[in-house]
């Protein structure tokens, strides 16, 4: 059986962990990484989350993977070539490392912008962040041992929040800020 899904209260240490990991990535990847950003629930202060640090690394092009593969591998990250999403490349922590999901996306792509807008919207709209946390906790209680079902059930709520985030982006003139690192 796979590890159960566990949602925990926000931990301010997540931001520090991102900075440490992100700094090592910046040093290893250099100018290949156009942006390195803390994304996902651990990047939103106050938001309950799975204790997994999600990092987005923006590159000019996803291909060839060899252009950035070595930079991740020298730090112990493992390329997950079995990832079915065609708009990103995915890396995970190596054995004995802190649980980390690294999403490599092309700069300016929909996926890159989606992750940044979702994060920034939740940071600015705490009611929706609380709503999202409540959804995740409820789904964990229902589907904590069914990871795929948990993900599928969460998706409509993500899109509901993104509809609001899209309107907010138009009203506020949102643009991605500077890279986190």
N, C-alpha and C. Protein backbone atom coordinates (compact mmCIF):
# COMPACT_ATOMS: atom_id res chain seq x y z
N UNK A 1 0.85 -1.19 0.00
CA UNK A 1 0.00 0.00 0.00
C UNK A 1 0.89 1.24 0.00
N UNK A 2 0.48 2.24 -0.78
CA UNK A 2 1.23 3.51 -0.83
C UNK A 2 0.99 4.30 0.45
N UNK A 3 1.86 5.27 0.66
CA UNK A 3 1.71 6.14 1.82
C UNK A 3 0.36 6.83 1.77
N UNK A 4 -0.29 6.96 2.91
CA UNK A 4 -1.57 7.68 2.92
C UNK A 4 -1.34 9.17 2.71
N UNK A 5 -2.38 9.84 2.22
CA UNK A 5 -2.34 11.29 2.07
C UNK A 5 -2.55 11.89 3.45
N UNK A 6 -1.67 12.79 3.83
CA UNK A 6 -1.76 13.45 5.13
C UNK A 6 -1.66 14.95 4.91
N UNK A 7 -2.69 15.66 5.34
CA UNK A 7 -2.70 17.13 5.30
C UNK A 7 -2.39 17.61 6.72
N UNK A 8 -1.42 18.50 6.82
CA UNK A 8 -1.00 19.01 8.14
C UNK A 8 -1.16 20.53 8.17
N UNK A 9 -1.22 21.12 9.36
CA UNK A 9 -1.28 22.58 9.45
C UNK A 9 -0.05 23.22 8.82
N UNK A 10 -0.20 24.45 8.41
CA UNK A 10 0.91 25.19 7.81
C UNK A 10 2.13 25.20 8.73
N UNK A 11 3.29 25.11 8.12
CA UNK A 11 4.55 25.14 8.86
C UNK A 11 5.43 26.22 8.23
N UNK A 12 5.75 27.26 8.98
CA UNK A 12 6.57 28.35 8.47
C UNK A 12 7.94 27.86 8.01
N UNK A 13 8.39 26.72 8.48
CA UNK A 13 9.65 26.15 8.07
C UNK A 13 9.68 25.74 6.60
N UNK A 14 8.52 25.57 5.99
CA UNK A 14 8.47 25.18 4.57
C UNK A 14 9.15 26.23 3.70
N UNK A 15 8.94 27.49 4.01
CA UNK A 15 9.57 28.56 3.22
C UNK A 15 11.09 28.48 3.33
N UNK A 16 11.59 28.19 4.51
CA UNK A 16 13.04 28.05 4.70
C UNK A 16 13.57 26.83 3.95
N UNK A 17 12.82 25.73 4.01
CA UNK A 17 13.24 24.54 3.27
C UNK A 17 13.29 24.82 1.77
N UNK A 18 12.28 25.53 1.26
CA UNK A 18 12.31 25.90 -0.16
C UNK A 18 13.56 26.71 -0.48
N UNK A 19 13.87 27.69 0.35
CA UNK A 19 15.04 28.55 0.11
C UNK A 19 16.33 27.72 0.05
N UNK A 20 16.46 26.77 0.96
CA UNK A 20 17.66 25.92 0.97
C UNK A 20 17.74 25.07 -0.30
N UNK A 21 16.64 24.40 -0.63
CA UNK A 21 16.63 23.55 -1.83
C UNK A 21 16.79 24.41 -3.07
N UNK A 22 16.02 25.49 -3.13
CA UNK A 22 16.07 26.37 -4.30
C UNK A 22 17.44 26.98 -4.52
N UNK A 23 18.12 27.33 -3.44
CA UNK A 23 19.47 27.90 -3.57
C UNK A 23 20.44 26.87 -4.16
N UNK A 24 20.32 25.63 -3.73
CA UNK A 24 21.16 24.58 -4.30
C UNK A 24 20.84 24.38 -5.78
N UNK A 25 19.55 24.43 -6.11
CA UNK A 25 19.15 24.31 -7.53
C UNK A 25 19.71 25.47 -8.34
N UNK A 26 19.63 26.67 -7.80
CA UNK A 26 20.14 27.85 -8.51
C UNK A 26 21.64 27.68 -8.78
N UNK A 27 22.35 27.23 -7.79
CA UNK A 27 23.79 27.05 -7.95
C UNK A 27 24.10 25.96 -8.98
N UNK A 28 23.34 24.89 -8.95
CA UNK A 28 23.59 23.77 -9.85
C UNK A 28 23.14 24.04 -11.28
N UNK A 29 22.00 24.72 -11.44
CA UNK A 29 21.43 24.94 -12.77
C UNK A 29 21.89 26.23 -13.42
N UNK A 30 22.34 27.19 -12.62
CA UNK A 30 22.81 28.45 -13.16
C UNK A 30 21.76 29.14 -14.02
N UNK A 31 22.20 29.68 -15.16
CA UNK A 31 21.32 30.43 -16.05
C UNK A 31 20.31 29.57 -16.80
N UNK A 32 20.47 28.24 -16.73
CA UNK A 32 19.50 27.35 -17.37
C UNK A 32 18.12 27.54 -16.74
N UNK A 33 18.11 27.79 -15.43
CA UNK A 33 16.86 28.04 -14.71
C UNK A 33 16.54 29.53 -14.81
N UNK A 34 15.57 29.87 -15.63
CA UNK A 34 15.18 31.27 -15.78
C UNK A 34 14.43 31.77 -14.55
N UNK A 35 13.69 30.87 -13.92
CA UNK A 35 12.97 31.16 -12.68
C UNK A 35 13.06 29.91 -11.81
N UNK A 36 13.06 30.12 -10.51
CA UNK A 36 12.89 29.04 -9.54
C UNK A 36 11.89 29.56 -8.52
N UNK A 37 10.73 28.92 -8.46
CA UNK A 37 9.64 29.42 -7.62
C UNK A 37 9.09 28.34 -6.69
N UNK A 38 8.73 28.76 -5.50
CA UNK A 38 8.02 27.90 -4.55
C UNK A 38 6.54 27.95 -4.95
N UNK A 39 5.98 26.80 -5.28
CA UNK A 39 4.57 26.74 -5.69
C UNK A 39 3.85 25.71 -4.82
N UNK A 40 2.58 25.51 -5.10
CA UNK A 40 1.81 24.53 -4.35
C UNK A 40 1.41 25.05 -2.99
N UNK A 41 0.73 24.20 -2.26
CA UNK A 41 0.14 24.62 -0.99
C UNK A 41 1.17 25.03 0.06
N UNK A 42 2.35 24.42 0.06
CA UNK A 42 3.35 24.81 1.07
C UNK A 42 3.89 26.22 0.83
N UNK A 43 3.56 26.80 -0.33
CA UNK A 43 4.03 28.16 -0.64
C UNK A 43 3.06 29.25 -0.20
N UNK A 44 1.91 28.85 0.36
CA UNK A 44 0.88 29.81 0.75
C UNK A 44 0.83 29.88 2.28
N UNK A 45 1.31 30.98 2.87
CA UNK A 45 1.31 31.09 4.33
C UNK A 45 -0.07 30.83 4.92
N UNK A 46 -0.11 29.96 5.93
CA UNK A 46 -1.36 29.65 6.62
C UNK A 46 -2.14 28.49 6.03
N UNK A 47 -1.77 28.01 4.86
CA UNK A 47 -2.55 26.96 4.18
C UNK A 47 -2.10 25.57 4.64
N UNK A 48 -3.04 24.78 5.11
CA UNK A 48 -2.76 23.39 5.44
C UNK A 48 -2.36 22.66 4.15
N UNK A 49 -1.44 21.70 4.28
CA UNK A 49 -0.91 21.07 3.06
C UNK A 49 -0.33 19.71 3.36
N UNK A 50 -0.12 18.93 2.29
CA UNK A 50 0.75 17.76 2.40
C UNK A 50 2.15 18.35 2.58
N UNK A 51 2.96 17.80 3.46
CA UNK A 51 4.28 18.38 3.71
C UNK A 51 5.29 18.03 2.61
N UNK A 52 4.98 18.46 1.41
CA UNK A 52 5.81 18.23 0.23
C UNK A 52 6.16 19.59 -0.36
N UNK A 53 7.44 19.85 -0.54
CA UNK A 53 7.85 21.12 -1.13
C UNK A 53 7.75 20.99 -2.64
N UNK A 54 6.89 21.82 -3.24
CA UNK A 54 6.75 21.87 -4.70
C UNK A 54 7.56 23.05 -5.21
N UNK A 55 8.38 22.78 -6.20
CA UNK A 55 9.23 23.81 -6.79
C UNK A 55 9.01 23.79 -8.29
N UNK A 56 8.88 24.98 -8.86
CA UNK A 56 8.77 25.11 -10.31
C UNK A 56 10.06 25.75 -10.83
N UNK A 57 10.67 25.08 -11.78
CA UNK A 57 11.86 25.59 -12.44
C UNK A 57 11.46 25.90 -13.88
N UNK A 58 11.62 27.15 -14.27
CA UNK A 58 11.26 27.56 -15.63
C UNK A 58 12.52 27.58 -16.50
N UNK A 59 12.39 26.96 -17.67
CA UNK A 59 13.50 26.88 -18.63
C UNK A 59 13.02 27.37 -19.99
N UNK A 60 13.96 27.66 -20.87
CA UNK A 60 13.60 28.11 -22.22
C UNK A 60 12.84 27.05 -22.99
N UNK A 61 13.31 25.80 -22.88
CA UNK A 61 12.70 24.71 -23.64
C UNK A 61 12.80 23.43 -22.82
N UNK A 62 11.78 22.60 -22.90
CA UNK A 62 11.81 21.32 -22.20
C UNK A 62 12.78 20.34 -22.84
N UNK A 63 13.05 20.53 -24.11
CA UNK A 63 13.95 19.63 -24.85
C UNK A 63 15.18 20.40 -25.31
N UNK A 64 16.32 19.79 -25.28
CA UNK A 64 16.57 18.45 -24.77
C UNK A 64 16.68 18.44 -23.25
N UNK A 65 16.19 17.38 -22.65
CA UNK A 65 16.24 17.23 -21.20
C UNK A 65 17.69 17.28 -20.70
N UNK A 66 18.60 16.80 -21.53
CA UNK A 66 20.02 16.78 -21.13
C UNK A 66 20.55 18.18 -20.80
N UNK A 67 19.89 19.24 -21.28
CA UNK A 67 20.34 20.60 -21.01
C UNK A 67 20.29 20.93 -19.52
N UNK A 68 19.43 20.24 -18.78
CA UNK A 68 19.31 20.52 -17.35
C UNK A 68 19.34 19.26 -16.48
N UNK A 69 19.28 18.10 -17.07
CA UNK A 69 19.24 16.83 -16.33
C UNK A 69 20.40 16.70 -15.34
N UNK A 70 21.61 16.97 -15.80
CA UNK A 70 22.78 16.82 -14.94
C UNK A 70 22.74 17.70 -13.70
N UNK A 71 22.19 18.90 -13.84
CA UNK A 71 22.08 19.80 -12.71
C UNK A 71 21.21 19.26 -11.60
N UNK A 72 20.16 18.55 -11.97
CA UNK A 72 19.29 17.92 -10.97
C UNK A 72 19.94 16.67 -10.39
N UNK A 73 20.49 15.86 -11.28
CA UNK A 73 21.08 14.59 -10.84
C UNK A 73 22.24 14.79 -9.88
N UNK A 74 23.06 15.81 -10.09
CA UNK A 74 24.19 16.02 -9.19
C UNK A 74 23.75 16.39 -7.78
N UNK A 75 22.50 16.86 -7.65
CA UNK A 75 21.95 17.15 -6.33
C UNK A 75 21.16 15.97 -5.75
N UNK A 76 21.04 14.90 -6.53
CA UNK A 76 20.35 13.70 -6.04
C UNK A 76 18.91 13.57 -6.48
N UNK A 77 18.42 14.47 -7.32
CA UNK A 77 17.04 14.39 -7.79
C UNK A 77 16.93 13.41 -8.95
N UNK A 78 15.79 12.74 -9.02
CA UNK A 78 15.56 11.67 -9.98
C UNK A 78 14.55 12.12 -11.03
N UNK A 79 14.93 12.02 -12.29
CA UNK A 79 14.04 12.34 -13.40
C UNK A 79 12.96 11.27 -13.50
N UNK A 80 11.72 11.70 -13.56
CA UNK A 80 10.60 10.77 -13.68
C UNK A 80 10.09 10.82 -15.12
N UNK A 81 10.75 10.07 -15.98
CA UNK A 81 10.39 10.02 -17.38
C UNK A 81 9.02 9.41 -17.62
N UNK A 82 8.46 8.73 -16.61
CA UNK A 82 7.14 8.13 -16.74
C UNK A 82 6.01 9.13 -16.54
N UNK A 83 6.34 10.38 -16.23
CA UNK A 83 5.33 11.42 -16.08
C UNK A 83 4.59 11.58 -17.41
N UNK A 84 3.27 11.53 -17.38
CA UNK A 84 2.49 11.57 -18.61
C UNK A 84 2.16 12.98 -19.08
N UNK A 85 2.42 13.99 -18.26
CA UNK A 85 2.13 15.37 -18.67
C UNK A 85 3.17 15.81 -19.70
N UNK A 86 2.71 16.22 -20.86
CA UNK A 86 3.61 16.59 -21.95
C UNK A 86 4.16 18.01 -21.82
N UNK A 87 3.57 18.82 -20.92
CA UNK A 87 3.98 20.22 -20.81
C UNK A 87 4.93 20.48 -19.65
N UNK A 88 5.44 19.42 -19.05
CA UNK A 88 6.43 19.60 -17.99
C UNK A 88 7.31 18.37 -17.93
N UNK A 89 8.44 18.55 -17.28
CA UNK A 89 9.31 17.44 -16.91
C UNK A 89 9.31 17.42 -15.39
N UNK A 90 9.40 16.22 -14.83
CA UNK A 90 9.15 16.06 -13.41
C UNK A 90 10.33 15.35 -12.74
N UNK A 91 10.75 15.90 -11.60
CA UNK A 91 11.83 15.31 -10.81
C UNK A 91 11.33 15.11 -9.38
N UNK A 92 11.85 14.06 -8.75
CA UNK A 92 11.54 13.77 -7.36
C UNK A 92 12.83 13.64 -6.57
N UNK A 93 12.70 13.68 -5.28
CA UNK A 93 13.84 13.51 -4.38
C UNK A 93 14.42 12.11 -4.53
N UNK A 94 15.71 12.01 -4.31
CA UNK A 94 16.35 10.70 -4.27
C UNK A 94 16.16 10.07 -2.90
N UNK A 95 16.60 8.84 -2.77
CA UNK A 95 16.45 8.10 -1.52
C UNK A 95 17.10 8.85 -0.37
N UNK A 96 16.36 8.94 0.75
CA UNK A 96 16.87 9.59 1.95
C UNK A 96 16.77 11.11 1.94
N UNK A 97 16.22 11.68 0.87
CA UNK A 97 16.09 13.14 0.78
C UNK A 97 14.71 13.59 1.24
N UNK A 98 14.59 14.86 1.52
CA UNK A 98 13.31 15.47 1.90
C UNK A 98 12.34 15.39 0.72
N UNK A 99 11.08 15.05 0.99
CA UNK A 99 10.07 14.89 -0.07
C UNK A 99 9.92 16.20 -0.84
N UNK A 100 10.22 16.14 -2.13
CA UNK A 100 10.21 17.33 -2.98
C UNK A 100 9.71 16.95 -4.37
N UNK A 101 8.83 17.76 -4.90
CA UNK A 101 8.36 17.60 -6.28
C UNK A 101 8.86 18.80 -7.08
N UNK A 102 9.60 18.54 -8.14
CA UNK A 102 10.13 19.62 -8.96
C UNK A 102 9.49 19.54 -10.34
N UNK A 103 8.82 20.62 -10.72
CA UNK A 103 8.11 20.72 -11.98
C UNK A 103 8.90 21.64 -12.90
N UNK A 104 9.43 21.11 -13.97
CA UNK A 104 10.18 21.91 -14.94
C UNK A 104 9.22 22.27 -16.06
N UNK A 105 9.04 23.58 -16.29
CA UNK A 105 8.11 24.05 -17.32
C UNK A 105 8.78 25.12 -18.17
N UNK A 106 8.26 25.27 -19.37
CA UNK A 106 8.78 26.32 -20.25
C UNK A 106 8.31 27.68 -19.76
N UNK A 107 9.22 28.63 -19.79
CA UNK A 107 8.89 29.98 -19.36
C UNK A 107 7.78 30.54 -20.25
N UNK A 108 6.80 31.17 -19.63
CA UNK A 108 5.68 31.76 -20.35
C UNK A 108 4.58 30.77 -20.70
N UNK A 109 4.76 29.50 -20.41
CA UNK A 109 3.75 28.50 -20.77
C UNK A 109 2.52 28.62 -19.87
N UNK A 110 1.43 28.04 -20.34
CA UNK A 110 0.20 28.03 -19.56
C UNK A 110 0.43 27.39 -18.19
N UNK A 111 1.10 26.23 -18.18
CA UNK A 111 1.33 25.53 -16.91
C UNK A 111 2.13 26.36 -15.93
N UNK A 112 3.17 27.04 -16.41
CA UNK A 112 3.97 27.89 -15.54
C UNK A 112 3.11 29.01 -14.96
N UNK A 113 2.35 29.67 -15.81
CA UNK A 113 1.52 30.79 -15.37
C UNK A 113 0.40 30.33 -14.43
N UNK A 114 -0.17 29.17 -14.73
CA UNK A 114 -1.24 28.61 -13.89
C UNK A 114 -0.76 28.45 -12.45
N UNK A 115 0.40 27.80 -12.28
CA UNK A 115 0.93 27.55 -10.94
C UNK A 115 1.20 28.85 -10.18
N UNK A 116 1.74 29.83 -10.88
CA UNK A 116 2.06 31.11 -10.23
C UNK A 116 0.80 31.89 -9.88
N UNK A 117 -0.18 31.90 -10.79
CA UNK A 117 -1.43 32.61 -10.51
C UNK A 117 -2.18 31.95 -9.36
N UNK A 118 -2.27 30.63 -9.37
CA UNK A 118 -2.97 29.91 -8.30
C UNK A 118 -2.34 30.26 -6.95
N UNK A 119 -1.02 30.21 -6.87
CA UNK A 119 -0.30 30.54 -5.64
C UNK A 119 -0.56 31.99 -5.22
N UNK A 120 -0.37 32.92 -6.14
CA UNK A 120 -0.51 34.34 -5.80
C UNK A 120 -1.94 34.69 -5.40
N UNK A 121 -2.90 34.08 -6.08
CA UNK A 121 -4.30 34.34 -5.73
C UNK A 121 -4.60 33.86 -4.31
N UNK A 122 -4.17 32.65 -3.98
CA UNK A 122 -4.44 32.14 -2.63
C UNK A 122 -3.71 32.94 -1.56
N UNK A 123 -2.53 33.43 -1.88
CA UNK A 123 -1.80 34.28 -0.93
C UNK A 123 -2.57 35.57 -0.66
N UNK A 124 -3.25 36.08 -1.67
CA UNK A 124 -3.97 37.36 -1.55
C UNK A 124 -5.42 37.20 -1.10
N UNK A 125 -5.95 35.99 -1.13
CA UNK A 125 -7.37 35.75 -0.83
C UNK A 125 -7.48 34.63 0.19
N UNK A 126 -7.36 35.00 1.45
CA UNK A 126 -7.29 34.01 2.52
C UNK A 126 -8.57 33.21 2.69
N UNK A 127 -9.72 33.80 2.36
CA UNK A 127 -10.97 33.04 2.44
C UNK A 127 -10.94 31.85 1.49
N UNK A 128 -10.45 32.06 0.28
CA UNK A 128 -10.36 30.96 -0.67
C UNK A 128 -9.28 29.98 -0.26
N UNK A 129 -8.20 30.46 0.35
CA UNK A 129 -7.18 29.55 0.86
C UNK A 129 -7.76 28.65 1.95
N UNK A 130 -8.58 29.24 2.84
CA UNK A 130 -9.23 28.45 3.89
C UNK A 130 -10.22 27.45 3.28
N UNK A 131 -10.96 27.89 2.27
CA UNK A 131 -11.90 27.00 1.57
C UNK A 131 -11.14 25.82 0.97
N UNK A 132 -10.02 26.09 0.31
CA UNK A 132 -9.22 25.06 -0.33
C UNK A 132 -8.68 24.08 0.72
N UNK A 133 -8.22 24.60 1.84
CA UNK A 133 -7.72 23.73 2.92
C UNK A 133 -8.82 22.81 3.42
N UNK A 134 -10.02 23.36 3.61
CA UNK A 134 -11.14 22.54 4.09
C UNK A 134 -11.48 21.43 3.09
N UNK A 135 -11.45 21.75 1.81
CA UNK A 135 -11.70 20.74 0.77
C UNK A 135 -10.66 19.64 0.86
N UNK A 136 -9.38 20.02 0.95
CA UNK A 136 -8.31 19.02 0.99
C UNK A 136 -8.43 18.13 2.23
N UNK A 137 -8.78 18.70 3.36
CA UNK A 137 -8.92 17.91 4.58
C UNK A 137 -10.09 16.94 4.45
N UNK A 138 -11.20 17.42 3.91
CA UNK A 138 -12.36 16.54 3.73
C UNK A 138 -12.03 15.40 2.78
N UNK A 139 -11.34 15.71 1.68
CA UNK A 139 -10.98 14.68 0.71
C UNK A 139 -9.94 13.71 1.28
N UNK A 140 -9.03 14.20 2.11
CA UNK A 140 -8.08 13.32 2.77
C UNK A 140 -8.82 12.32 3.66
N UNK A 141 -9.82 12.82 4.38
CA UNK A 141 -10.60 11.94 5.26
C UNK A 141 -11.36 10.89 4.45
N UNK A 142 -11.84 11.27 3.27
CA UNK A 142 -12.60 10.33 2.43
C UNK A 142 -11.70 9.41 1.62
N UNK A 143 -10.61 9.94 1.06
CA UNK A 143 -9.81 9.21 0.08
C UNK A 143 -8.33 9.17 0.44
N UNK A 144 -8.03 9.17 1.72
CA UNK A 144 -6.64 9.24 2.18
C UNK A 144 -5.76 8.09 1.72
N UNK A 145 -6.36 6.98 1.32
CA UNK A 145 -5.58 5.84 0.85
C UNK A 145 -5.79 5.59 -0.64
N UNK A 146 -6.44 6.55 -1.31
CA UNK A 146 -6.70 6.44 -2.75
C UNK A 146 -6.19 7.71 -3.42
N UNK A 147 -4.89 7.77 -3.65
CA UNK A 147 -4.25 9.00 -4.15
C UNK A 147 -4.90 9.50 -5.44
N UNK A 148 -5.12 8.64 -6.40
CA UNK A 148 -5.69 9.07 -7.68
C UNK A 148 -7.09 9.63 -7.49
N UNK A 149 -7.87 9.00 -6.66
CA UNK A 149 -9.23 9.48 -6.40
C UNK A 149 -9.19 10.84 -5.69
N UNK A 150 -8.27 10.99 -4.75
CA UNK A 150 -8.09 12.27 -4.06
C UNK A 150 -7.81 13.37 -5.08
N UNK A 151 -6.89 13.12 -6.00
CA UNK A 151 -6.51 14.11 -7.02
C UNK A 151 -7.70 14.42 -7.91
N UNK A 152 -8.42 13.40 -8.35
CA UNK A 152 -9.58 13.60 -9.23
C UNK A 152 -10.67 14.41 -8.55
N UNK A 153 -10.94 14.11 -7.29
CA UNK A 153 -12.00 14.81 -6.56
C UNK A 153 -11.62 16.26 -6.25
N UNK A 154 -10.33 16.53 -6.14
CA UNK A 154 -9.87 17.89 -5.84
C UNK A 154 -9.92 18.80 -7.06
N UNK A 155 -9.81 18.22 -8.24
CA UNK A 155 -9.70 19.01 -9.48
C UNK A 155 -10.83 20.02 -9.70
N UNK A 156 -12.11 19.66 -9.53
CA UNK A 156 -13.15 20.67 -9.74
C UNK A 156 -13.00 21.89 -8.83
N UNK A 157 -12.51 21.69 -7.63
CA UNK A 157 -12.33 22.80 -6.70
C UNK A 157 -11.17 23.69 -7.13
N UNK A 158 -10.13 23.08 -7.68
CA UNK A 158 -9.01 23.86 -8.20
C UNK A 158 -9.50 24.76 -9.33
N UNK A 159 -10.31 24.20 -10.23
CA UNK A 159 -10.82 25.01 -11.35
C UNK A 159 -11.80 26.08 -10.88
N UNK A 160 -12.56 25.79 -9.83
CA UNK A 160 -13.45 26.82 -9.26
C UNK A 160 -12.62 27.99 -8.73
N UNK A 161 -11.54 27.69 -8.03
CA UNK A 161 -10.66 28.74 -7.52
C UNK A 161 -10.00 29.47 -8.68
N UNK A 162 -9.60 28.74 -9.71
CA UNK A 162 -8.94 29.39 -10.85
C UNK A 162 -9.87 30.32 -11.62
N UNK A 163 -11.16 30.02 -11.64
CA UNK A 163 -12.11 30.97 -12.27
C UNK A 163 -12.07 32.30 -11.53
N UNK A 164 -12.05 32.22 -10.20
CA UNK A 164 -11.97 33.45 -9.39
C UNK A 164 -10.61 34.11 -9.56
N UNK A 165 -9.57 33.30 -9.63
CA UNK A 165 -8.21 33.84 -9.81
C UNK A 165 -8.09 34.56 -11.14
N UNK A 166 -8.73 34.03 -12.17
CA UNK A 166 -8.69 34.67 -13.49
C UNK A 166 -9.34 36.05 -13.42
N UNK A 167 -10.51 36.13 -12.80
CA UNK A 167 -11.19 37.43 -12.65
C UNK A 167 -10.32 38.38 -11.83
N UNK A 168 -9.75 37.88 -10.75
CA UNK A 168 -8.87 38.68 -9.89
C UNK A 168 -7.68 39.19 -10.68
N UNK A 169 -7.12 38.35 -11.54
CA UNK A 169 -5.94 38.76 -12.32
C UNK A 169 -6.29 39.89 -13.27
N UNK A 170 -7.51 39.86 -13.82
CA UNK A 170 -7.94 40.93 -14.72
C UNK A 170 -8.19 42.23 -13.95
N UNK A 171 -8.79 42.11 -12.77
CA UNK A 171 -9.08 43.30 -11.96
C UNK A 171 -7.80 43.92 -11.40
N UNK A 172 -6.86 43.08 -11.02
CA UNK A 172 -5.65 43.58 -10.36
C UNK A 172 -4.51 43.85 -11.33
N UNK A 173 -4.64 43.36 -12.56
CA UNK A 173 -3.54 43.48 -13.51
C UNK A 173 -2.37 42.57 -13.16
N UNK A 174 -2.69 41.42 -12.55
CA UNK A 174 -1.67 40.49 -12.07
C UNK A 174 -0.68 40.12 -13.18
N UNK A 175 0.57 40.07 -12.79
CA UNK A 175 1.64 39.52 -13.59
C UNK A 175 2.52 38.75 -12.62
N UNK A 176 3.21 37.73 -13.09
CA UNK A 176 4.12 37.05 -12.18
C UNK A 176 5.18 38.02 -11.68
N UNK A 177 5.42 38.00 -10.41
CA UNK A 177 6.48 38.84 -9.86
C UNK A 177 7.84 38.25 -10.20
N UNK A 178 8.86 38.78 -9.57
CA UNK A 178 10.21 38.27 -9.78
C UNK A 178 10.29 36.83 -9.29
N UNK A 179 11.21 36.09 -9.86
CA UNK A 179 11.47 34.72 -9.43
C UNK A 179 11.78 34.69 -7.94
N UNK A 180 11.37 33.64 -7.27
CA UNK A 180 11.67 33.51 -5.83
C UNK A 180 13.16 33.39 -5.58
N UNK A 181 13.89 32.82 -6.54
CA UNK A 181 15.36 32.70 -6.41
C UNK A 181 16.00 32.97 -7.75
